[in-house]
Amino acid sequence: MSTTSGEALLRIHFTGQDLENIRIARSPDPLWEIVCSICRLQTKEGPLAFDPWRRMVHERLRRGGAPRRAALALRTLVPYATYFPDFLTPPVEGGSIGVAAGIDRVLSTPRRQLRSEMALLAASGEKPFAGAALALGDVEALRLLGDGLRTYHEAFLAPAWDRIGSAAGSDVSWRSRALVTGGTRALLDTFRPMAVWRPPVLEVDYPVERDLHLEGRGLLLVPSYFCWRRPITLVDEGLRPVLVYPVDKTVASVSPDAPTELARLLGSTRASLLYETAVHDCATTTELAAAVNVSLPSASQQLTVLREAGLLTSRRDGKHVLHTITLLGRRLLEGRCG
């Protein structure tokens, strides 16, 4: 994957078969979140979205130990503004995979791919951790890589995973609604302005000039919390096509007064609205008001309370406001809070 800065376009060329095979991953990919978050640690980009997380990471790094060693080692494999190996983010059939299974796929990378991609990394001027040994598929080097990925995820991403999942879940629900109500064109139009659909080509704001021909393989769209401003993809066009895109960070925000607000949730109307939001996955204020049989102003007021408590997220889409339940909201409905 290349992360160089610049004004350029990635042109993704679709056939009719590709348009029938566009998929949206239901959740973030842990490996993509690892590499994108490592890039965010190397810059001051997105202070509102990332500074609280960066402060947590830097505090943990100051303590030293395994998390610090893992972060420093992975930094040599994921340098900002240059190439990093595709094998760190293996394509996933079905669009969703856990961190353990993802790391297993990384460690199962064919040696030919390891040699080729580590050579590209070295050619960019980097001195990657365990470079020569990793390029040869050395068992110990691969073990160290797997340990580093696990440690990094546990120390720096797992504590924030609910927020990451909430942001991605809200984003996927919104785009899925666009697909259901307006078809493929409506789905692709949700990516403006970072990507523009000019049939049969999707023009994507990208670091370098590039053309990607899908050739009937379809495209997997993967939401990412730590991806920033523009989508990214794999370098090797022989791998299953994927487009990793940044989700809206603001929809997962939780009020500092969330514990106090949770106490206000007692009452049948709010409980019904929360339930209907979960059932609909992504619904407008009008739809939820009708489902619960309350007035529009009353529904809007009660949905605001739910949002401030961190139980749902809301985003404006034209004339409508769309609401999506958060992970915390689902846990409350399932009786798993506390």
C-alpha atoms as a PDB file:
ATOM      1  CA  MET A   1       0.000   0.000   0.000  1.00  0.00           C
ATOM      2  CA  SER A   2       1.291   3.489  -0.812  1.00  0.00           C
ATOM      3  CA  THR A   3       0.534   6.439   1.475  1.00  0.00           C
ATOM      4  CA  THR A   4       2.433   9.241  -0.264  1.00  0.00           C
ATOM      5  CA  SER A   5       0.825  12.684  -0.356  1.00  0.00           C
ATOM      6  CA  GLY A   6      -0.176  14.360  -3.606  1.00  0.00           C
ATOM      7  CA  GLU A   7      -3.008  15.390  -5.913  1.00  0.00           C
ATOM      8  CA  ALA A   8      -3.905  12.374  -8.021  1.00  0.00           C
ATOM      9  CA  LEU A   9      -6.662   9.876  -8.790  1.00  0.00           C
ATOM     10  CA  LEU A  10      -7.207   6.174  -8.405  1.00  0.00           C
ATOM     11  CA  ARG A  11      -9.547   5.151 -11.210  1.00  0.00           C
ATOM     12  CA  ILE A  12     -11.434   1.948 -10.404  1.00  0.00           C
ATOM     13  CA  HIS A  13     -12.873   0.433 -13.589  1.00  0.00           C
ATOM     14  CA  PHE A  14     -16.113  -1.561 -13.180  1.00  0.00           C
ATOM     15  CA  THR A  15     -17.795  -4.070 -15.465  1.00  0.00           C
ATOM     16  CA  GLY A  16     -21.450  -5.016 -15.148  1.00  0.00           C
ATOM     17  CA  GLN A  17     -20.410  -8.085 -13.177  1.00  0.00           C
ATOM     18  CA  ASP A  18     -18.400  -5.919 -10.768  1.00  0.00           C
ATOM     19  CA  LEU A  19     -21.416  -3.704 -10.092  1.00  0.00           C
ATOM     20  CA  GLU A  20     -23.343  -6.840  -9.073  1.00  0.00           C
ATOM     21  CA  ASN A  21     -20.554  -7.828  -6.690  1.00  0.00           C
ATOM     22  CA  ILE A  22     -19.961  -4.713  -4.558  1.00  0.00           C
ATOM     23  CA  ARG A  23     -19.869  -5.650  -0.871  1.00  0.00           C
ATOM     24  CA  ILE A  24     -19.574  -3.644   2.337  1.00  0.00           C
ATOM     25  CA  ALA A  25     -17.721  -5.208   5.259  1.00  0.00           C
ATOM     26  CA  ARG A  26     -19.954  -5.135   8.339  1.00  0.00           C
ATOM     27  CA  SER A  27     -17.114  -4.206  10.694  1.00  0.00           C
ATOM     28  CA  PRO A  28     -13.597  -2.745  10.646  1.00  0.00           C
ATOM     29  CA  ASP A  29     -10.704  -5.036   9.715  1.00  0.00           C
ATOM     30  CA  PRO A  30      -8.333  -5.302  12.735  1.00  0.00           C
ATOM     31  CA  LEU A  31      -5.236  -5.521  10.532  1.00  0.00           C
ATOM     32  CA  TRP A  32      -6.165  -2.429   8.518  1.00  0.00           C
ATOM     33  CA  GLU A  33      -6.864  -0.610  11.796  1.00  0.00           C
ATOM     34  CA  ILE A  34      -3.415  -1.557  13.051  1.00  0.00           C
ATOM     35  CA  VAL A  35      -1.554  -0.232  10.012  1.00  0.00           C
ATOM     36  CA  CYS A  36      -3.707   2.899   9.654  1.00  0.00           C
ATOM     37  CA  SER A  37      -3.356   3.721  13.352  1.00  0.00           C
ATOM     38  CA  ILE A  38       0.419   3.375  13.115  1.00  0.00           C
ATOM     39  CA  CYS A  39       0.323   5.994  10.357  1.00  0.00           C
ATOM     40  CA  ARG A  40      -1.775   8.287  12.572  1.00  0.00           C
ATOM     41  CA  LEU A  41       0.855   8.043  15.326  1.00  0.00           C
ATOM     42  CA  GLN A  42       3.464   9.440  12.943  1.00  0.00           C
ATOM     43  CA  THR A  43       1.596  12.703  12.250  1.00  0.00           C
ATOM     44  CA  LYS A  44      -0.607  15.284  13.967  1.00  0.00           C
ATOM     45  CA  GLU A  45      -3.412  14.803  11.438  1.00  0.00           C
ATOM     46  CA  GLY A  46      -7.000  14.853  12.665  1.00  0.00           C
ATOM     47  CA  PRO A  47      -6.434  16.288  16.146  1.00  0.00           C
ATOM     48  CA  LEU A  48     -10.129  16.267  17.103  1.00  0.00           C
ATOM     49  CA  ALA A  49     -10.557  12.641  16.072  1.00  0.00           C
ATOM     50  CA  PHE A  50      -7.239  11.157  17.110  1.00  0.00           C
ATOM     51  CA  ASP A  51      -5.544  13.275  19.802  1.00  0.00           C
ATOM     52  CA  PRO A  52      -7.340  11.614  22.762  1.00  0.00           C
ATOM     53  CA  TRP A  53      -6.258   8.217  21.437  1.00  0.00           C
ATOM     54  CA  ARG A  54      -2.726   9.438  20.690  1.00  0.00           C
ATOM     55  CA  ARG A  55      -2.388  10.740  24.263  1.00  0.00           C
ATOM     56  CA  MET A  56      -3.398   7.328  25.590  1.00  0.00           C
ATOM     57  CA  VAL A  57      -0.868   5.606  23.337  1.00  0.00           C
ATOM     58  CA  HIS A  58       2.001   7.967  24.189  1.00  0.00           C
ATOM     59  CA  GLU A  59       1.322   7.511  27.902  1.00  0.00           C
ATOM     60  CA  ARG A  60       1.472   3.738  27.443  1.00  0.00           C
ATOM     61  CA  LEU A  61       4.650   3.998  25.357  1.00  0.00           C
ATOM     62  CA  ARG A  62       6.370   5.930  28.129  1.00  0.00           C
ATOM     63  CA  ARG A  63       5.979   2.931  30.409  1.00  0.00           C
ATOM     64  CA  GLY A  64       8.101   0.814  28.075  1.00  0.00           C
ATOM     65  CA  GLY A  65       7.750  -2.949  27.932  1.00  0.00           C
ATOM     66  CA  ALA A  66       6.246  -5.148  25.228  1.00  0.00           C
ATOM     67  CA  PRO A  67       3.745  -2.563  23.877  1.00  0.00           C
ATOM     68  CA  ARG A  68       6.544  -0.068  23.264  1.00  0.00           C
ATOM     69  CA  ARG A  69       8.705  -2.689  21.551  1.00  0.00           C
ATOM     70  CA  ALA A  70       5.773  -3.780  19.387  1.00  0.00           C
ATOM     71  CA  ALA A  71       4.926  -0.221  18.320  1.00  0.00           C
ATOM     72  CA  LEU A  72       8.536   0.616  17.436  1.00  0.00           C
ATOM     73  CA  ALA A  73       8.986  -2.613  15.478  1.00  0.00           C
ATOM     74  CA  LEU A  74       5.766  -2.222  13.505  1.00  0.00           C
ATOM     75  CA  ARG A  75       6.628   1.409  12.771  1.00  0.00           C
ATOM     76  CA  THR A  76       9.550   0.139  10.652  1.00  0.00           C
ATOM     77  CA  LEU A  77       7.117  -1.937   8.571  1.00  0.00           C
ATOM     78  CA  VAL A  78       4.511   0.830   8.214  1.00  0.00           C
ATOM     79  CA  PRO A  79       6.365   4.084   7.508  1.00  0.00           C
ATOM     80  CA  TYR A  80       4.143   7.084   6.891  1.00  0.00           C
ATOM     81  CA  ALA A  81       4.079   8.617   3.387  1.00  0.00           C
ATOM     82  CA  THR A  82       5.642   5.645   1.657  1.00  0.00           C
ATOM     83  CA  TYR A  83       5.042   1.976   0.855  1.00  0.00           C
ATOM     84  CA  PHE A  84       4.032  -0.686   3.357  1.00  0.00           C
ATOM     85  CA  PRO A  85       3.611  -4.407   2.506  1.00  0.00           C
ATOM     86  CA  ASP A  86       0.265  -5.794   1.398  1.00  0.00           C
ATOM     87  CA  PHE A  87       0.848  -8.961   3.446  1.00  0.00           C
ATOM     88  CA  LEU A  88       0.128  -6.963   6.628  1.00  0.00           C
ATOM     89  CA  THR A  89      -3.505  -6.573   5.490  1.00  0.00           C
ATOM     90  CA  PRO A  90      -4.461  -9.885   3.855  1.00  0.00           C
ATOM     91  CA  PRO A  91      -7.694  -9.944   1.817  1.00  0.00           C
ATOM     92  CA  VAL A  92     -10.570 -11.637   3.617  1.00  0.00           C
ATOM     93  CA  GLU A  93     -13.276 -13.731   1.992  1.00  0.00           C
ATOM     94  CA  GLY A  94     -16.623 -12.536   3.324  1.00  0.00           C
ATOM     95  CA  GLY A  95     -15.326  -9.146   4.416  1.00  0.00           C
ATOM     96  CA  SER A  96     -14.966  -9.764   8.165  1.00  0.00           C
ATOM     97  CA  ILE A  97     -12.369 -11.457  10.350  1.00  0.00           C
ATOM     98  CA  GLY A  98     -11.153 -11.358  13.946  1.00  0.00           C
ATOM     99  CA  VAL A  99      -7.716 -10.200  15.007  1.00  0.00           C
ATOM    100  CA  ALA A 100      -6.429 -13.709  15.815  1.00  0.00           C
ATOM    101  CA  ALA A 101      -7.527 -15.160  12.480  1.00  0.00           C
ATOM    102  CA  GLY A 102      -6.181 -12.098  10.670  1.00  0.00           C
ATOM    103  CA  ILE A 103      -2.750 -12.468  12.264  1.00  0.00           C
ATOM    104  CA  ASP A 104      -2.736 -16.158  11.337  1.00  0.00           C
ATOM    105  CA  ARG A 105      -3.323 -15.140   7.715  1.00  0.00           C
ATOM    106  CA  VAL A 106      -0.436 -12.670   7.904  1.00  0.00           C
ATOM    107  CA  LEU A 107       1.874 -15.375   9.219  1.00  0.00           C
ATOM    108  CA  SER A 108       0.747 -17.734   6.428  1.00  0.00           C
ATOM    109  CA  THR A 109       1.923 -15.340   3.689  1.00  0.00           C
ATOM    110  CA  PRO A 110       3.725 -17.259   0.910  1.00  0.00           C
ATOM    111  CA  ARG A 111       7.507 -16.770   1.013  1.00  0.00           C
ATOM    112  CA  ARG A 112       7.538 -15.434  -2.543  1.00  0.00           C
ATOM    113  CA  GLN A 113       5.192 -12.624  -1.508  1.00  0.00           C
ATOM    114  CA  LEU A 114       7.273 -11.931   1.610  1.00  0.00           C
ATOM    115  CA  ARG A 115      10.456 -11.609  -0.454  1.00  0.00           C
ATOM    116  CA  SER A 116       8.856  -9.389  -3.076  1.00  0.00           C
ATOM    117  CA  GLU A 117       7.139  -6.992  -0.696  1.00  0.00           C
ATOM    118  CA  MET A 118      10.008  -6.737   1.792  1.00  0.00           C
ATOM    119  CA  ALA A 119      12.266  -5.882  -1.168  1.00  0.00           C
ATOM    120  CA  LEU A 120       9.890  -3.065  -2.154  1.00  0.00           C
ATOM    121  CA  LEU A 121       9.946  -1.771   1.418  1.00  0.00           C
ATOM    122  CA  ALA A 122      13.748  -1.835   1.537  1.00  0.00           C
ATOM    123  CA  ALA A 123      13.896  -0.074  -1.853  1.00  0.00           C
ATOM    124  CA  SER A 124      11.911   2.815  -0.372  1.00  0.00           C
ATOM    125  CA  GLY A 125      14.809   3.452   2.007  1.00  0.00           C
ATOM    126  CA  GLU A 126      13.363   1.819   5.122  1.00  0.00           C
ATOM    127  CA  LYS A 127      15.220  -0.568   7.411  1.00  0.00           C
ATOM    128  CA  PRO A 128      12.412  -2.872   8.552  1.00  0.00           C
ATOM    129  CA  PHE A 129      12.564  -4.886  11.758  1.00  0.00           C
ATOM    130  CA  ALA A 130      13.846  -8.438  11.100  1.00  0.00           C
ATOM    131  CA  GLY A 131      14.010  -7.417   7.445  1.00  0.00           C
ATOM    132  CA  ALA A 132      16.205 -10.119   5.913  1.00  0.00           C
ATOM    133  CA  ALA A 133      14.869 -12.875   8.140  1.00  0.00           C
ATOM    134  CA  LEU A 134      11.254 -11.852   7.572  1.00  0.00           C
ATOM    135  CA  ALA A 135      11.801 -11.744   3.823  1.00  0.00           C
ATOM    136  CA  LEU A 136      12.975 -15.364   3.972  1.00  0.00           C
ATOM    137  CA  GLY A 137       9.976 -16.463   6.000  1.00  0.00           C
ATOM    138  CA  ASP A 138      12.107 -17.255   9.048  1.00  0.00           C
ATOM    139  CA  VAL A 139       9.966 -18.938  11.716  1.00  0.00           C
ATOM    140  CA  GLU A 140      11.333 -16.827  14.585  1.00  0.00           C
ATOM    141  CA  ALA A 141      10.917 -13.571  12.632  1.00  0.00           C
ATOM    142  CA  LEU A 142       7.308 -14.480  11.845  1.00  0.00           C
ATOM    143  CA  ARG A 143       6.676 -15.341  15.503  1.00  0.00           C
ATOM    144  CA  LEU A 144       7.996 -11.943  16.549  1.00  0.00           C
ATOM    145  CA  LEU A 145       5.784 -10.256  13.950  1.00  0.00           C
ATOM    146  CA  GLY A 146       2.705 -12.120  15.189  1.00  0.00           C
ATOM    147  CA  ASP A 147       3.503 -11.279  18.814  1.00  0.00           C
ATOM    148  CA  GLY A 148       3.996  -7.623  17.876  1.00  0.00           C
ATOM    149  CA  LEU A 149       0.646  -7.409  16.070  1.00  0.00           C
ATOM    150  CA  ARG A 150      -1.186  -9.073  18.965  1.00  0.00           C
ATOM    151  CA  THR A 151       0.495  -6.893  21.591  1.00  0.00           C
ATOM    152  CA  TYR A 152      -0.127  -3.678  19.652  1.00  0.00           C
ATOM    153  CA  HIS A 153      -3.799  -4.497  19.161  1.00  0.00           C
ATOM    154  CA  GLU A 154      -4.339  -5.448  22.818  1.00  0.00           C
ATOM    155  CA  ALA A 155      -2.537  -2.376  24.171  1.00  0.00           C
ATOM    156  CA  PHE A 156      -3.648   0.360  21.790  1.00  0.00           C
ATOM    157  CA  LEU A 157      -6.755  -0.683  19.841  1.00  0.00           C
ATOM    158  CA  ALA A 158      -8.750  -2.991  22.101  1.00  0.00           C
ATOM    159  CA  PRO A 159      -9.389  -0.210  24.680  1.00  0.00           C
ATOM    160  CA  ALA A 160     -10.936   1.928  21.913  1.00  0.00           C
ATOM    161  CA  TRP A 161     -12.669  -0.860  19.977  1.00  0.00           C
ATOM    162  CA  ASP A 162     -16.204  -0.004  21.110  1.00  0.00           C
ATOM    163  CA  ARG A 163     -15.801   3.526  19.758  1.00  0.00           C
ATOM    164  CA  ILE A 164     -14.208   2.214  16.559  1.00  0.00           C
ATOM    165  CA  GLY A 165     -17.016  -0.309  16.100  1.00  0.00           C
ATOM    166  CA  SER A 166     -19.745   2.253  16.788  1.00  0.00           C
ATOM    167  CA  ALA A 167     -18.389   4.666  14.192  1.00  0.00           C
ATOM    168  CA  ALA A 168     -18.023   1.911  11.598  1.00  0.00           C
ATOM    169  CA  GLY A 169     -21.427   0.388  12.388  1.00  0.00           C
ATOM    170  CA  SER A 170     -23.215   3.705  11.963  1.00  0.00           C
ATOM    171  CA  ASP A 171     -21.385   4.337   8.698  1.00  0.00           C
ATOM    172  CA  VAL A 172     -22.178   0.892   7.273  1.00  0.00           C
ATOM    173  CA  SER A 173     -25.867   1.180   8.226  1.00  0.00           C
ATOM    174  CA  TRP A 174     -26.126   4.547   6.483  1.00  0.00           C
ATOM    175  CA  ARG A 175     -24.435   3.335   3.281  1.00  0.00           C
ATOM    176  CA  SER A 176     -26.408   0.061   3.306  1.00  0.00           C
ATOM    177  CA  ARG A 177     -29.623   2.068   3.518  1.00  0.00           C
ATOM    178  CA  ALA A 178     -28.508   4.075   0.485  1.00  0.00           C
ATOM    179  CA  LEU A 179     -27.876   0.821  -1.399  1.00  0.00           C
ATOM    180  CA  VAL A 180     -31.276  -0.612  -0.500  1.00  0.00           C
ATOM    181  CA  THR A 181     -33.226   2.550  -1.323  1.00  0.00           C
ATOM    182  CA  GLY A 182     -31.255   3.820  -4.322  1.00  0.00           C
ATOM    183  CA  GLY A 183     -29.135   0.993  -5.692  1.00  0.00           C
ATOM    184  CA  THR A 184     -25.435   0.907  -6.550  1.00  0.00           C
ATOM    185  CA  ARG A 185     -25.333   4.486  -7.835  1.00  0.00           C
ATOM    186  CA  ALA A 186     -26.746   5.804  -4.552  1.00  0.00           C
ATOM    187  CA  LEU A 187     -24.214   3.748  -2.586  1.00  0.00           C
ATOM    188  CA  LEU A 188     -21.267   5.063  -4.597  1.00  0.00           C
ATOM    189  CA  ASP A 189     -22.596   8.614  -4.332  1.00  0.00           C
ATOM    190  CA  THR A 190     -22.270   8.408  -0.535  1.00  0.00           C
ATOM    191  CA  PHE A 191     -18.487   8.565  -0.973  1.00  0.00           C
ATOM    192  CA  ARG A 192     -18.498  12.108  -2.345  1.00  0.00           C
ATOM    193  CA  PRO A 193     -16.329  14.173  -2.287  1.00  0.00           C
ATOM    194  CA  MET A 194     -13.472  11.697  -1.693  1.00  0.00           C
ATOM    195  CA  ALA A 195     -14.728   9.532  -4.565  1.00  0.00           C
ATOM    196  CA  VAL A 196     -16.913  10.399  -7.571  1.00  0.00           C
ATOM    197  CA  TRP A 197     -18.847   7.876  -9.649  1.00  0.00           C
ATOM    198  CA  ARG A 198     -18.479   8.529 -13.383  1.00  0.00           C
ATOM    199  CA  PRO A 199     -19.859   5.308 -14.919  1.00  0.00           C
ATOM    200  CA  PRO A 200     -18.194   2.893 -15.354  1.00  0.00           C
ATOM    201  CA  VAL A 201     -15.299   4.400 -13.328  1.00  0.00           C
ATOM    202  CA  LEU A 202     -15.074   5.383  -9.670  1.00  0.00           C
ATOM    203  CA  GLU A 203     -12.563   8.249  -9.387  1.00  0.00           C
ATOM    204  CA  VAL A 204     -10.968   8.238  -5.949  1.00  0.00           C
ATOM    205  CA  ASP A 205      -8.831  10.962  -4.372  1.00  0.00           C
ATOM    206  CA  TYR A 206      -5.501   9.158  -4.037  1.00  0.00           C
ATOM    207  CA  PRO A 207      -1.800   9.795  -3.380  1.00  0.00           C
ATOM    208  CA  VAL A 208      -0.629   8.637  -6.835  1.00  0.00           C
ATOM    209  CA  GLU A 209      -2.052   8.257 -10.332  1.00  0.00           C
ATOM    210  CA  ARG A 210      -3.309   4.721 -10.763  1.00  0.00           C
ATOM    211  CA  ASP A 211      -5.846   2.570 -12.606  1.00  0.00           C
ATOM    212  CA  LEU A 212      -7.401  -0.528 -11.049  1.00  0.00           C
ATOM    213  CA  HIS A 213      -9.372  -2.860 -13.324  1.00  0.00           C
ATOM    214  CA  LEU A 214     -11.703  -5.084 -11.310  1.00  0.00           C
ATOM    215  CA  GLU A 215     -12.283  -7.495 -14.202  1.00  0.00           C
ATOM    216  CA  GLY A 216     -15.326  -9.176 -12.701  1.00  0.00           C
ATOM    217  CA  ARG A 217     -13.868  -9.706  -9.214  1.00  0.00           C
ATOM    218  CA  GLY A 218     -16.079  -7.085  -7.576  1.00  0.00           C
ATOM    219  CA  LEU A 219     -15.003  -4.702  -4.826  1.00  0.00           C
ATOM    220  CA  LEU A 220     -15.045  -5.000  -1.052  1.00  0.00           C
ATOM    221  CA  LEU A 221     -15.609  -1.694   0.771  1.00  0.00           C
ATOM    222  CA  VAL A 222     -14.057  -1.721   4.240  1.00  0.00           C
ATOM    223  CA  PRO A 223     -14.893   0.982   6.830  1.00  0.00           C
ATOM    224  CA  SER A 224     -11.928   2.216   8.851  1.00  0.00           C
ATOM    225  CA  TYR A 225     -11.752   4.483  11.888  1.00  0.00           C
ATOM    226  CA  PHE A 226      -8.032   5.258  11.515  1.00  0.00           C
ATOM    227  CA  CYS A 227      -8.032   5.770   7.750  1.00  0.00           C
ATOM    228  CA  TRP A 228      -7.799   9.531   7.195  1.00  0.00           C
ATOM    229  CA  ARG A 229      -9.347  11.770   4.512  1.00  0.00           C
ATOM    230  CA  ARG A 230      -8.883   9.506   1.482  1.00  0.00           C
ATOM    231  CA  PRO A 231      -9.479   5.808   0.761  1.00  0.00           C
ATOM    232  CA  ILE A 232      -6.587   3.381   0.332  1.00  0.00           C
ATOM    233  CA  THR A 233      -6.126   0.028  -1.378  1.00  0.00           C
ATOM    234  CA  LEU A 234      -3.614  -2.743  -1.971  1.00  0.00           C
ATOM    235  CA  VAL A 235      -0.658  -2.297  -4.306  1.00  0.00           C
ATOM    236  CA  ASP A 236      -0.786  -5.792  -5.814  1.00  0.00           C
ATOM    237  CA  GLU A 237      -3.595  -5.786  -8.386  1.00  0.00           C
ATOM    238  CA  GLY A 238      -3.542  -9.579  -8.395  1.00  0.00           C
ATOM    239  CA  LEU A 239      -5.026  -9.648  -4.876  1.00  0.00           C
ATOM    240  CA  ARG A 240      -8.765  -9.479  -4.228  1.00  0.00           C
ATOM    241  CA  PRO A 241      -9.794  -5.809  -4.769  1.00  0.00           C
ATOM    242  CA  VAL A 242     -10.516  -3.829  -1.626  1.00  0.00           C
ATOM    243  CA  LEU A 243     -11.117  -0.152  -0.918  1.00  0.00           C
ATOM    244  CA  VAL A 244     -10.585   0.923   2.696  1.00  0.00           C
ATOM    245  CA  TYR A 245     -12.325   4.223   3.408  1.00  0.00           C
ATOM    246  CA  PRO A 246     -12.497   6.627   6.390  1.00  0.00           C
ATOM    247  CA  VAL A 247     -15.705   6.641   8.412  1.00  0.00           C
ATOM    248  CA  ASP A 248     -17.229   9.711  10.033  1.00  0.00           C
ATOM    249  CA  LYS A 249     -15.531   9.980  13.463  1.00  0.00           C
ATOM    250  CA  THR A 250     -18.136  12.293  14.990  1.00  0.00           C
ATOM    251  CA  VAL A 251     -21.025   9.833  15.031  1.00  0.00           C
ATOM    252  CA  ALA A 252     -19.448   7.722  17.770  1.00  0.00           C
ATOM    253  CA  SER A 253     -18.990  10.554  20.237  1.00  0.00           C
ATOM    254  CA  VAL A 254     -20.392  10.017  23.729  1.00  0.00           C
ATOM    255  CA  SER A 255     -21.422  12.798  26.075  1.00  0.00           C
ATOM    256  CA  PRO A 256     -19.143  13.277  29.121  1.00  0.00           C
ATOM    257  CA  ASP A 257     -22.366  13.136  31.147  1.00  0.00           C
ATOM    258  CA  ALA A 258     -23.306   9.692  29.803  1.00  0.00           C
ATOM    259  CA  PRO A 259     -23.688   8.032  33.263  1.00  0.00           C
ATOM    260  CA  THR A 260     -26.127  10.765  34.323  1.00  0.00           C
ATOM    261  CA  GLU A 261     -27.993  10.574  31.031  1.00  0.00           C
ATOM    262  CA  LEU A 262     -28.372   6.795  31.334  1.00  0.00           C
ATOM    263  CA  ALA A 263     -30.452   7.331  34.455  1.00  0.00           C
ATOM    264  CA  ARG A 264     -32.933   9.311  32.359  1.00  0.00           C
ATOM    265  CA  LEU A 265     -33.631   6.323  30.100  1.00  0.00           C
ATOM    266  CA  LEU A 266     -36.241   4.833  32.431  1.00  0.00           C
ATOM    267  CA  GLY A 267     -39.511   4.933  30.570  1.00  0.00           C
ATOM    268  CA  SER A 268     -41.373   2.940  27.934  1.00  0.00           C
ATOM    269  CA  THR A 269     -41.078   5.477  25.110  1.00  0.00           C
ATOM    270  CA  ARG A 270     -37.274   5.601  25.127  1.00  0.00           C
ATOM    271  CA  ALA A 271     -37.027   1.863  25.526  1.00  0.00           C
ATOM    272  CA  SER A 272     -39.331   1.377  22.537  1.00  0.00           C
ATOM    273  CA  LEU A 273     -37.395   3.884  20.434  1.00  0.00           C
ATOM    274  CA  LEU A 274     -34.110   2.162  21.269  1.00  0.00           C
ATOM    275  CA  TYR A 275     -35.620  -1.216  20.379  1.00  0.00           C
ATOM    276  CA  GLU A 276     -37.029   0.050  17.065  1.00  0.00           C
ATOM    277  CA  THR A 277     -33.690   1.658  16.197  1.00  0.00           C
ATOM    278  CA  ALA A 278     -32.034  -1.732  16.663  1.00  0.00           C
ATOM    279  CA  VAL A 279     -34.708  -3.505  14.597  1.00  0.00           C
ATOM    280  CA  HIS A 280     -34.498  -1.024  11.710  1.00  0.00           C
ATOM    281  CA  ASP A 281     -30.672  -0.879  11.836  1.00  0.00           C
ATOM    282  CA  CYS A 282     -30.817   2.619  10.340  1.00  0.00           C
ATOM    283  CA  ALA A 283     -34.014   4.674  10.483  1.00  0.00           C
ATOM    284  CA  THR A 284     -35.245   8.256  10.221  1.00  0.00           C
ATOM    285  CA  THR A 285     -36.888  10.170  13.064  1.00  0.00           C
ATOM    286  CA  THR A 286     -40.201   9.990  11.201  1.00  0.00           C
ATOM    287  CA  GLU A 287     -39.985   6.208  10.786  1.00  0.00           C
ATOM    288  CA  LEU A 288     -39.170   5.695  14.460  1.00  0.00           C
ATOM    289  CA  ALA A 289     -41.955   8.042  15.597  1.00  0.00           C
ATOM    290  CA  ALA A 290     -44.452   6.072  13.500  1.00  0.00           C
ATOM    291  CA  ALA A 291     -43.171   2.735  14.802  1.00  0.00           C
ATOM    292  CA  VAL A 292     -43.586   3.825  18.433  1.00  0.00           C
ATOM    293  CA  ASN A 293     -46.781   5.843  17.767  1.00  0.00           C
ATOM    294  CA  VAL A 294     -45.562   9.140  19.234  1.00  0.00           C
ATOM    295  CA  SER A 295     -45.422  12.624  17.768  1.00  0.00           C
ATOM    296  CA  LEU A 296     -42.411  13.725  15.743  1.00  0.00           C
ATOM    297  CA  PRO A 297     -41.330  16.382  18.322  1.00  0.00           C
ATOM    298  CA  SER A 298     -41.591  13.833  21.146  1.00  0.00           C
ATOM    299  CA  ALA A 299     -39.570  11.241  19.216  1.00  0.00           C
ATOM    300  CA  SER A 300     -36.916  13.822  18.372  1.00  0.00           C
ATOM    301  CA  GLN A 301     -36.600  14.824  22.030  1.00  0.00           C
ATOM    302  CA  GLN A 302     -36.337  11.242  23.289  1.00  0.00           C
ATOM    303  CA  LEU A 303     -33.849  10.288  20.562  1.00  0.00           C
ATOM    304  CA  THR A 304     -31.673  13.202  21.662  1.00  0.00           C
ATOM    305  CA  VAL A 305     -31.559  11.749  25.182  1.00  0.00           C
ATOM    306  CA  LEU A 306     -30.591   8.333  23.779  1.00  0.00           C
ATOM    307  CA  ARG A 307     -27.885   9.906  21.628  1.00  0.00           C
ATOM    308  CA  GLU A 308     -26.439  11.933  24.515  1.00  0.00           C
ATOM    309  CA  ALA A 309     -26.269   8.735  26.568  1.00  0.00           C
ATOM    310  CA  GLY A 310     -24.211   7.072  23.830  1.00  0.00           C
ATOM    311  CA  LEU A 311     -26.898   4.512  22.970  1.00  0.00           C
ATOM    312  CA  LEU A 312     -27.409   5.600  19.382  1.00  0.00           C
ATOM    313  CA  THR A 313     -25.762   7.822  16.803  1.00  0.00           C
ATOM    314  CA  SER A 314     -27.387  10.290  14.435  1.00  0.00           C
ATOM    315  CA  ARG A 315     -26.361  11.807  11.122  1.00  0.00           C
ATOM    316  CA  ARG A 316     -28.102  14.185   8.758  1.00  0.00           C
ATOM    317  CA  ASP A 317     -28.749  12.841   5.269  1.00  0.00           C
ATOM    318  CA  GLY A 318     -30.406  15.530   3.163  1.00  0.00           C
ATOM    319  CA  LYS A 319     -33.761  16.395   4.729  1.00  0.00           C
ATOM    320  CA  HIS A 320     -33.673  13.442   7.114  1.00  0.00           C
ATOM    321  CA  VAL A 321     -31.780  12.505  10.276  1.00  0.00           C
ATOM    322  CA  LEU A 322     -30.776   8.833  10.346  1.00  0.00           C
ATOM    323  CA  HIS A 323     -30.351   7.013  13.672  1.00  0.00           C
ATOM    324  CA  THR A 324     -28.272   3.887  14.345  1.00  0.00           C
ATOM    325  CA  ILE A 325     -27.890   1.950  17.581  1.00  0.00           C
ATOM    326  CA  THR A 326     -24.402   1.764  19.123  1.00  0.00           C
ATOM    327  CA  LEU A 327     -22.661  -1.234  20.703  1.00  0.00           C
ATOM    328  CA  LEU A 328     -23.527   0.185  24.129  1.00  0.00           C
ATOM    329  CA  GLY A 329     -27.167   0.422  23.097  1.00  0.00           C
ATOM    330  CA  ARG A 330     -27.214  -3.186  21.932  1.00  0.00           C
ATOM    331  CA  ARG A 331     -25.623  -4.322  25.172  1.00  0.00           C
ATOM    332  CA  LEU A 332     -28.264  -2.480  27.163  1.00  0.00           C
ATOM    333  CA  LEU A 333     -31.042  -4.165  25.184  1.00  0.00           C
ATOM    334  CA  GLU A 334     -29.379  -7.557  25.692  1.00  0.00           C
ATOM    335  CA  GLY A 335     -29.000  -6.969  29.414  1.00  0.00           C
ATOM    336  CA  ARG A 336     -25.187  -7.017  29.280  1.00  0.00           C
ATOM    337  CA  CYS A 337     -24.490  -3.541  30.712  1.00  0.00           C
ATOM    338  CA  GLY A 338     -23.020  -2.953  34.145  1.00  0.00           C
END
